[in-house]
Amino acid sequence: TSSPRATLKTFIDYSNAFYRTTAADRHFDRRSPQHRPLVRGIIDCLNTSELPEYARYDIAAEAATCLKEILDRVALPPWDEIPDLAEIQAAGGPKELARWRIPGTGITIARVEEGRQKYEYLFTPGTVERSIDRYEEVAHLEYRATGPEVSEGYYRWYSSVPGHPAIAAIIDRLPDWTRGRTFGLAVWQWAALFLASLFAALVMALAYRLERLLVARWHDKSAIRYGLTILLSIGAALVPLAFSRFADEALTIRGTPLYVTTFSASIVALLASMIVIFGLSGRIAAMIIAAPWVTAHGLNAQLIRISCRVVSIVAAAIVFLEGGQYLGIPLTTLLASAGVGGLAVALAAQDTLKTLFGTFMLLADKPFRVGERIIFGKYD
């Protein structure tokens, strides 16, 4: 991708090769070693730096498919009229020819100045972002009859083909009406997505229910067994991630339904991770207090509990900020929200916080011991 011509040609050739090798199949496995280099070559022609990290690959893949459908419908200039590396150098270098637009379209290829693909010519973030909407505007047009090879039906295949042969076999037995599309997905995809969501929610609910039963059983009997119950919370936190991957790779959910599904699953996983942090801090405290040198109801035990809780709050805040950035929420927005929320809590509970910090200092300094006489003002 050293020039606009190289980028455009690579993108079209890789897209055509990928479609030829997969269109005849009833399913598409993105992990296939045969398909992976082609998919990687297609995605590498796009500047995805401004896409949210949680769905970067999925948005880029759909954008690439829509972009290929657009290119298959618009008139492309001859290859010798598209700037290559020699023409860029003849024009005075990349600074003089940093951008090139396909005539009559808004599709732009520009030189990247930073990041992993520095100094490469890629389809711009604006082109990537608007490609899905632009495809909807030109989808009614006929495919062009001249120029590079076209991939007829590329987007329809991409948005409805299942990602596993077992699912493909099931779909073959379903009535034809289940393959009809509504709101961007096939009927069978909506049904499968609903059932998968229900199953994931049920698994999480059972995991948390079982954890509560085991905690009640082992909390005061065995610190080790009580500590191991956190594995159920960890398993529950992994469920939404597995669900999101299943919806993407096996059910091949695409477009807005995929982004909503992925975002929602990430939010649930983020909240579940925070539950794991709080639960883990309590179990660590319990295991430390179970040591022979710690009195279960002494000051040291209280200090351990409070210290673990403070650490868990800090860790949860870090996870919240990092998770928010991963989901595409600006850090400034997260910090502002946390700041406003913290200020509201501080004003509403300042007496409680004073007592909390006073208790923490007393437990840490230990100015008194059992059996000592304490005189404070007129109190004895």
Protein backbone atom coordinates (compact mmCIF):
# COMPACT_ATOMS: atom_id res chain seq x y z
CA THR A 1 0.00 0.00 0.00
CA SER A 2 2.78 2.40 -0.94
CA SER A 3 0.50 4.44 -3.23
CA PRO A 4 -3.21 5.00 -3.98
CA ARG A 5 -2.95 2.62 -6.94
CA ALA A 6 -1.34 -0.12 -4.83
CA THR A 7 -3.95 0.28 -2.08
CA LEU A 8 -6.94 0.23 -4.42
CA LYS A 9 -5.61 -2.72 -6.41
CA THR A 10 -4.72 -4.71 -3.29
CA PHE A 11 -8.13 -4.08 -1.78
CA ILE A 12 -10.05 -5.12 -4.92
CA ASP A 13 -7.86 -8.17 -5.65
CA TYR A 14 -7.96 -9.47 -2.07
CA SER A 15 -11.74 -8.90 -1.84
CA ASN A 16 -12.37 -10.76 -5.09
CA ALA A 17 -10.08 -13.63 -4.05
CA PHE A 18 -11.80 -13.88 -0.67
CA TYR A 19 -15.28 -13.92 -2.22
CA ARG A 20 -14.29 -16.54 -4.79
CA THR A 21 -12.96 -18.90 -2.12
CA THR A 22 -15.87 -18.51 0.30
CA ALA A 23 -19.04 -17.75 -1.72
CA ALA A 24 -19.56 -21.40 -2.64
CA ASP A 25 -19.44 -22.46 1.01
CA ARG A 26 -22.50 -22.56 3.23
CA HIS A 27 -20.55 -21.07 6.12
CA PHE A 28 -17.56 -18.82 6.75
CA ASP A 29 -14.98 -19.60 9.44
CA ARG A 30 -12.88 -16.49 10.02
CA ARG A 31 -10.24 -18.59 11.81
CA SER A 32 -9.60 -20.71 8.74
CA PRO A 33 -5.91 -20.51 7.72
CA GLN A 34 -7.04 -20.26 4.10
CA HIS A 35 -9.18 -17.18 4.70
CA ARG A 36 -7.21 -15.36 7.40
CA PRO A 37 -4.46 -13.88 5.15
CA LEU A 38 -7.07 -12.56 2.71
CA VAL A 39 -9.16 -10.99 5.47
CA ARG A 40 -6.07 -9.44 7.02
CA GLY A 41 -4.98 -8.04 3.65
CA ILE A 42 -8.41 -6.44 3.12
CA ILE A 43 -8.59 -4.88 6.60
CA ASP A 44 -5.02 -3.57 6.31
CA CYS A 45 -6.12 -1.33 3.45
CA LEU A 46 -8.36 0.63 5.83
CA ASN A 47 -7.40 3.29 8.36
CA THR A 48 -9.29 1.99 11.41
CA SER A 49 -7.60 4.24 13.97
CA GLU A 50 -10.81 6.14 14.80
CA LEU A 51 -13.06 3.09 15.24
CA PRO A 52 -14.00 2.06 18.81
CA GLU A 53 -11.76 -0.72 20.02
CA TYR A 54 -14.56 -2.99 21.29
CA ALA A 55 -15.92 -3.48 17.74
CA ARG A 56 -13.01 -2.35 15.55
CA TYR A 57 -12.65 -5.57 13.58
CA ASP A 58 -16.39 -6.04 13.05
CA ILE A 59 -16.99 -2.46 11.90
CA ALA A 60 -13.94 -2.59 9.64
CA ALA A 61 -15.06 -5.90 8.11
CA GLU A 62 -18.55 -4.60 7.36
CA ALA A 63 -17.16 -1.30 6.05
CA ALA A 64 -14.78 -3.19 3.75
CA THR A 65 -17.66 -5.27 2.39
CA CYS A 66 -19.80 -2.18 1.77
CA LEU A 67 -16.86 -0.35 0.21
CA LYS A 68 -16.29 -3.22 -2.23
CA GLU A 69 -19.99 -3.15 -3.17
CA ILE A 70 -19.70 0.59 -3.87
CA LEU A 71 -16.56 0.13 -5.97
CA ASP A 72 -18.37 -2.59 -7.95
CA ARG A 73 -21.05 -0.07 -8.94
CA VAL A 74 -19.15 3.15 -9.69
CA ALA A 75 -16.95 3.86 -12.69
CA LEU A 76 -13.28 3.47 -11.79
CA PRO A 77 -10.51 5.27 -13.70
CA PRO A 78 -7.97 3.15 -15.63
CA TRP A 79 -5.09 1.92 -13.49
CA ASP A 80 -2.57 4.14 -15.28
CA GLU A 81 -4.58 7.22 -14.22
CA ILE A 82 -4.30 6.33 -10.54
CA PRO A 83 -1.10 7.62 -8.88
CA ASP A 84 1.54 5.01 -8.16
CA LEU A 85 4.84 5.32 -6.29
CA ALA A 86 6.72 6.61 -9.34
CA GLU A 87 4.15 9.35 -9.98
CA ILE A 88 4.22 10.36 -6.30
CA GLN A 89 7.98 10.77 -6.43
CA ALA A 90 7.74 12.66 -9.73
CA ALA A 91 5.17 15.03 -8.19
CA GLY A 92 7.62 16.00 -5.45
CA GLY A 93 7.08 13.28 -2.87
CA PRO A 94 4.29 12.25 -0.51
CA LYS A 95 3.83 15.77 0.85
CA GLU A 96 2.74 16.94 -2.58
CA LEU A 97 0.40 13.98 -3.16
CA ALA A 98 -0.79 12.89 0.27
CA ARG A 99 -4.43 12.29 -0.74
CA TRP A 100 -6.27 10.98 -3.77
CA ARG A 101 -10.01 10.69 -4.34
CA ILE A 102 -11.80 8.43 -6.81
CA PRO A 103 -13.40 10.85 -9.28
CA GLY A 104 -17.11 11.42 -8.78
CA THR A 105 -17.14 9.81 -5.31
CA GLY A 106 -16.22 10.68 -1.74
CA ILE A 107 -13.92 7.65 -1.48
CA THR A 108 -10.50 8.93 -0.45
CA ILE A 109 -7.13 7.26 -0.01
CA ALA A 110 -4.61 9.19 2.09
CA ARG A 111 -1.12 8.74 3.51
CA VAL A 112 -0.98 7.83 7.20
CA GLU A 113 1.49 9.88 9.25
CA GLU A 114 1.47 7.94 12.53
CA GLY A 115 0.67 4.60 14.10
CA ARG A 116 1.29 1.00 13.09
CA GLN A 117 0.78 1.71 9.37
CA LYS A 118 2.79 4.91 9.23
CA TYR A 119 3.62 6.15 5.71
CA GLU A 120 1.14 3.77 4.05
CA TYR A 121 -1.72 4.92 1.80
CA LEU A 122 -5.06 3.74 3.25
CA PHE A 123 -8.77 4.44 2.84
CA THR A 124 -9.38 7.35 5.20
CA PRO A 125 -11.32 7.06 8.49
CA GLY A 126 -14.08 9.19 6.97
CA THR A 127 -14.38 6.83 4.00
CA VAL A 128 -14.50 3.83 6.33
CA GLU A 129 -17.07 5.45 8.62
CA ARG A 130 -19.43 6.49 5.81
CA SER A 131 -19.10 3.40 3.61
CA ILE A 132 -22.08 1.58 5.17
CA ASP A 133 -24.42 4.54 4.64
CA ARG A 134 -23.08 5.11 1.12
CA TYR A 135 -23.68 1.50 0.20
CA GLU A 136 -27.35 1.85 1.16
CA GLU A 137 -27.57 4.85 -1.16
CA VAL A 138 -26.15 2.96 -4.18
CA ALA A 139 -27.42 -0.56 -3.47
CA HIS A 140 -30.18 -0.14 -6.06
CA LEU A 141 -27.67 0.57 -8.86
CA GLU A 142 -26.55 -2.09 -11.34
CA TYR A 143 -23.08 -3.60 -11.10
CA ARG A 144 -20.67 -2.08 -13.60
CA ALA A 145 -19.90 -4.16 -16.69
CA THR A 146 -16.33 -2.93 -17.28
CA GLY A 147 -13.20 -2.57 -15.20
CA PRO A 148 -11.99 -4.85 -12.40
CA GLU A 149 -13.90 -7.98 -11.44
CA VAL A 150 -17.04 -7.45 -9.34
CA SER A 151 -18.30 -9.54 -6.41
CA GLU A 152 -22.03 -9.74 -7.03
CA GLY A 153 -24.08 -10.34 -3.87
CA TYR A 154 -21.01 -9.85 -1.66
CA TYR A 155 -22.70 -7.94 1.17
CA ARG A 156 -25.82 -10.10 1.25
CA TRP A 157 -23.64 -13.20 1.56
CA TYR A 158 -21.44 -11.59 4.22
CA SER A 159 -24.40 -10.49 6.36
CA SER A 160 -26.32 -13.78 6.36
CA VAL A 161 -23.94 -16.74 5.97
CA PRO A 162 -23.51 -18.70 9.24
CA GLY A 163 -20.09 -19.09 10.81
CA HIS A 164 -20.25 -22.81 11.66
CA PRO A 165 -21.10 -25.89 9.54
CA ALA A 166 -23.46 -27.27 12.22
CA ILE A 167 -25.53 -24.07 12.13
CA ALA A 168 -25.48 -24.16 8.32
CA ALA A 169 -26.88 -27.71 8.42
CA ILE A 170 -29.70 -26.59 10.74
CA ILE A 171 -30.58 -23.62 8.51
CA ASP A 172 -30.81 -25.91 5.49
CA ARG A 173 -33.67 -27.74 7.22
CA LEU A 174 -35.58 -24.55 8.09
CA PRO A 175 -38.41 -23.13 5.92
CA ASP A 176 -37.42 -20.60 3.28
CA TRP A 177 -39.17 -17.75 5.10
CA THR A 178 -36.61 -17.97 7.93
CA ARG A 179 -33.97 -16.75 5.47
CA GLY A 180 -35.94 -13.57 4.75
CA ARG A 181 -34.38 -10.39 6.09
CA THR A 182 -35.98 -7.94 8.51
CA PHE A 183 -34.25 -5.01 10.23
CA GLY A 184 -30.90 -6.01 8.77
CA LEU A 185 -30.85 -9.69 9.77
CA ALA A 186 -32.38 -12.95 8.61
CA VAL A 187 -35.31 -14.25 10.65
CA TRP A 188 -33.24 -17.24 11.80
CA GLN A 189 -30.55 -14.86 13.07
CA TRP A 190 -33.04 -12.90 15.19
CA ALA A 191 -34.44 -16.12 16.66
CA ALA A 192 -30.98 -17.54 17.37
CA LEU A 193 -29.83 -14.25 18.91
CA PHE A 194 -32.83 -14.19 21.25
CA LEU A 195 -32.29 -17.80 22.36
CA ALA A 196 -28.56 -17.22 22.86
CA SER A 197 -29.27 -14.08 24.94
CA LEU A 198 -31.76 -15.99 27.07
CA PHE A 199 -29.31 -18.85 27.60
CA ALA A 200 -26.47 -16.49 28.56
CA ALA A 201 -28.67 -14.64 31.08
CA LEU A 202 -29.81 -17.96 32.57
CA VAL A 203 -26.22 -19.21 32.95
CA MET A 204 -25.17 -15.97 34.71
CA ALA A 205 -28.18 -16.08 37.03
CA LEU A 206 -27.47 -19.72 37.96
CA ALA A 207 -23.79 -18.94 38.57
CA TYR A 208 -24.58 -16.07 40.94
CA ARG A 209 -27.29 -18.10 42.67
CA LEU A 210 -24.95 -21.05 43.23
CA GLU A 211 -22.25 -18.69 44.48
CA ARG A 212 -24.57 -17.21 47.10
CA LEU A 213 -25.54 -20.69 48.33
CA LEU A 214 -21.91 -21.81 48.61
CA VAL A 215 -20.87 -18.56 50.31
CA ALA A 216 -23.56 -19.03 52.93
CA ARG A 217 -22.36 -22.58 53.48
CA TRP A 218 -18.60 -22.04 53.66
CA HIS A 219 -18.17 -18.44 54.85
CA ASP A 220 -17.54 -19.33 58.50
CA LYS A 221 -16.35 -22.91 58.01
CA SER A 222 -13.52 -22.96 55.44
CA ALA A 223 -11.62 -19.90 54.22
CA ILE A 224 -10.16 -21.81 51.26
CA ARG A 225 -13.50 -23.16 50.03
CA TYR A 226 -15.05 -19.74 50.60
CA GLY A 227 -12.26 -18.19 48.52
CA LEU A 228 -12.78 -20.66 45.69
CA THR A 229 -16.42 -19.59 45.30
CA ILE A 230 -15.10 -16.51 43.44
CA LEU A 231 -14.57 -18.82 40.45
CA LEU A 232 -18.31 -18.73 39.86
CA SER A 233 -18.26 -14.92 39.61
CA ILE A 234 -15.31 -15.13 37.23
CA GLY A 235 -17.20 -17.65 35.11
CA ALA A 236 -20.27 -15.40 35.07
CA ALA A 237 -18.11 -12.46 33.91
CA LEU A 238 -16.86 -14.54 30.97
CA VAL A 239 -20.37 -15.47 29.81
CA PRO A 240 -21.19 -12.14 28.05
CA LEU A 241 -17.84 -12.24 26.24
CA ALA A 242 -18.53 -15.77 25.03
CA PHE A 243 -22.04 -14.72 24.00
CA SER A 244 -20.69 -11.77 22.01
CA ARG A 245 -18.17 -13.97 20.23
CA PHE A 246 -20.85 -16.58 19.44
CA ALA A 247 -23.16 -13.91 18.01
CA ASP A 248 -20.36 -12.55 15.84
CA GLU A 249 -18.59 -15.69 14.63
CA ALA A 250 -21.27 -18.39 14.67
CA LEU A 251 -24.47 -16.43 14.05
CA THR A 252 -22.66 -13.79 11.93
CA ILE A 253 -24.77 -10.95 13.31
CA ARG A 254 -23.84 -7.82 11.36
CA GLY A 255 -24.50 -4.10 11.30
CA THR A 256 -26.26 -2.20 14.07
CA PRO A 257 -27.58 -5.38 15.79
CA LEU A 258 -23.98 -6.59 16.15
CA TYR A 259 -22.71 -3.29 17.55
CA VAL A 260 -25.59 -3.10 20.03
CA THR A 261 -25.00 -6.72 21.04
CA THR A 262 -21.26 -6.27 21.42
CA PHE A 263 -21.59 -3.02 23.34
CA SER A 264 -24.26 -4.42 25.67
CA ALA A 265 -22.25 -7.59 26.31
CA SER A 266 -19.14 -5.50 27.04
CA ILE A 267 -21.08 -3.36 29.53
CA VAL A 268 -22.37 -6.48 31.32
CA ALA A 269 -18.87 -7.98 31.35
CA LEU A 270 -17.47 -4.72 32.76
CA LEU A 271 -20.02 -4.67 35.59
CA ALA A 272 -19.46 -8.37 36.26
CA SER A 273 -15.70 -7.73 36.44
CA MET A 274 -16.28 -5.09 39.10
CA ILE A 275 -18.36 -7.63 41.06
CA VAL A 276 -15.41 -10.02 40.81
CA ILE A 277 -13.07 -7.35 42.19
CA PHE A 278 -15.26 -6.62 45.21
CA GLY A 279 -15.86 -10.31 45.83
CA LEU A 280 -12.19 -11.13 45.52
CA SER A 281 -11.21 -8.45 48.05
CA GLY A 282 -13.60 -9.90 50.63
CA ARG A 283 -12.26 -13.40 50.12
CA ILE A 284 -8.64 -12.30 50.32
CA ALA A 285 -9.42 -10.52 53.58
CA ALA A 286 -11.16 -13.63 54.93
CA MET A 287 -8.22 -15.87 54.03
CA ILE A 288 -5.74 -13.50 55.69
CA ILE A 289 -7.88 -13.21 58.82
CA ALA A 290 -8.09 -17.02 58.97
CA ALA A 291 -4.32 -17.09 59.65
CA PRO A 292 -3.39 -18.15 63.22
CA TRP A 293 -1.69 -14.82 64.04
CA VAL A 294 -4.85 -12.77 63.37
CA THR A 295 -7.67 -12.49 65.93
CA ALA A 296 -10.95 -12.78 64.03
CA HIS A 297 -12.64 -9.97 65.95
CA GLY A 298 -9.56 -7.90 66.73
CA LEU A 299 -8.35 -4.55 65.43
CA ASN A 300 -5.99 -6.19 62.92
CA ALA A 301 -8.88 -8.07 61.34
CA GLN A 302 -10.87 -4.86 60.97
CA LEU A 303 -7.86 -3.10 59.44
CA ILE A 304 -7.41 -5.94 56.95
CA ARG A 305 -11.07 -5.80 55.93
CA ILE A 306 -11.04 -2.03 55.45
CA SER A 307 -7.71 -2.09 53.55
CA CYS A 308 -8.94 -4.78 51.17
CA ARG A 309 -12.16 -2.86 50.57
CA VAL A 310 -10.28 0.38 49.80
CA VAL A 311 -7.99 -1.48 47.37
CA SER A 312 -11.02 -3.03 45.68
CA ILE A 313 -12.64 0.39 45.23
CA VAL A 314 -9.48 1.76 43.60
CA ALA A 315 -9.17 -1.32 41.38
CA ALA A 316 -12.83 -1.10 40.36
CA ALA A 317 -12.38 2.57 39.46
CA ILE A 318 -9.39 1.69 37.26
CA VAL A 319 -11.36 -1.09 35.56
CA PHE A 320 -14.25 1.32 35.01
CA LEU A 321 -12.00 3.91 33.35
CA GLU A 322 -10.14 1.39 31.21
CA GLY A 323 -13.35 -0.37 30.24
CA GLY A 324 -14.97 2.92 29.31
CA GLN A 325 -12.07 3.79 27.03
CA TYR A 326 -12.29 0.34 25.42
CA LEU A 327 -15.97 0.97 24.71
CA GLY A 328 -15.13 4.26 23.01
CA ILE A 329 -16.19 6.61 25.81
CA PRO A 330 -13.70 9.55 26.02
CA LEU A 331 -11.52 9.54 29.14
CA THR A 332 -12.43 13.17 29.88
CA THR A 333 -16.12 12.21 30.01
CA LEU A 334 -15.38 9.32 32.36
CA LEU A 335 -13.23 11.46 34.64
CA ALA A 336 -15.84 14.21 34.69
CA SER A 337 -18.57 11.71 35.56
CA ALA A 338 -16.43 10.16 38.27
CA GLY A 339 -15.52 13.61 39.61
CA VAL A 340 -19.12 14.82 39.78
CA GLY A 341 -20.26 11.54 41.31
CA GLY A 342 -17.45 11.60 43.86
CA LEU A 343 -18.21 15.18 44.81
CA ALA A 344 -21.90 14.38 45.28
CA VAL A 345 -21.07 11.40 47.48
CA ALA A 346 -18.53 13.41 49.48
CA LEU A 347 -21.03 16.21 50.18
CA ALA A 348 -23.87 13.86 51.02
CA ALA A 349 -21.85 11.56 53.26
CA GLN A 350 -19.10 13.77 54.65
CA ASP A 351 -19.85 12.80 58.27
CA THR A 352 -19.75 9.13 57.36
CA LEU A 353 -16.48 9.60 55.49
CA LYS A 354 -14.97 11.45 58.47
CA THR A 355 -15.90 8.56 60.70
CA LEU A 356 -14.55 6.05 58.18
CA PHE A 357 -11.17 7.75 57.84
CA GLY A 358 -11.00 8.31 61.62
CA THR A 359 -11.64 4.60 62.15
CA PHE A 360 -8.98 3.70 59.58
CA MET A 361 -6.40 5.92 61.32
CA LEU A 362 -7.22 4.45 64.73
CA LEU A 363 -6.87 0.93 63.40
CA ALA A 364 -3.59 1.76 61.66
CA ASP A 365 -1.95 3.72 64.52
CA LYS A 366 -3.34 1.55 67.35
CA PRO A 367 -3.02 4.23 70.08
CA PHE A 368 -5.03 2.07 72.49
CA ARG A 369 -4.86 -1.54 73.58
CA VAL A 370 -7.29 -3.80 75.42
CA GLY A 371 -7.10 -3.15 79.18
CA GLU A 372 -5.87 0.47 78.93
CA ARG A 373 -7.81 3.35 80.49
CA ILE A 374 -8.82 6.12 78.04
CA ILE A 375 -9.66 9.68 79.15
CA PHE A 376 -10.91 12.02 76.42
CA GLY A 377 -12.08 15.45 77.58
CA LYS A 378 -14.71 14.83 80.21
CA TYR A 379 -15.24 11.25 79.08
CA ASP A 380 -13.57 8.40 80.97
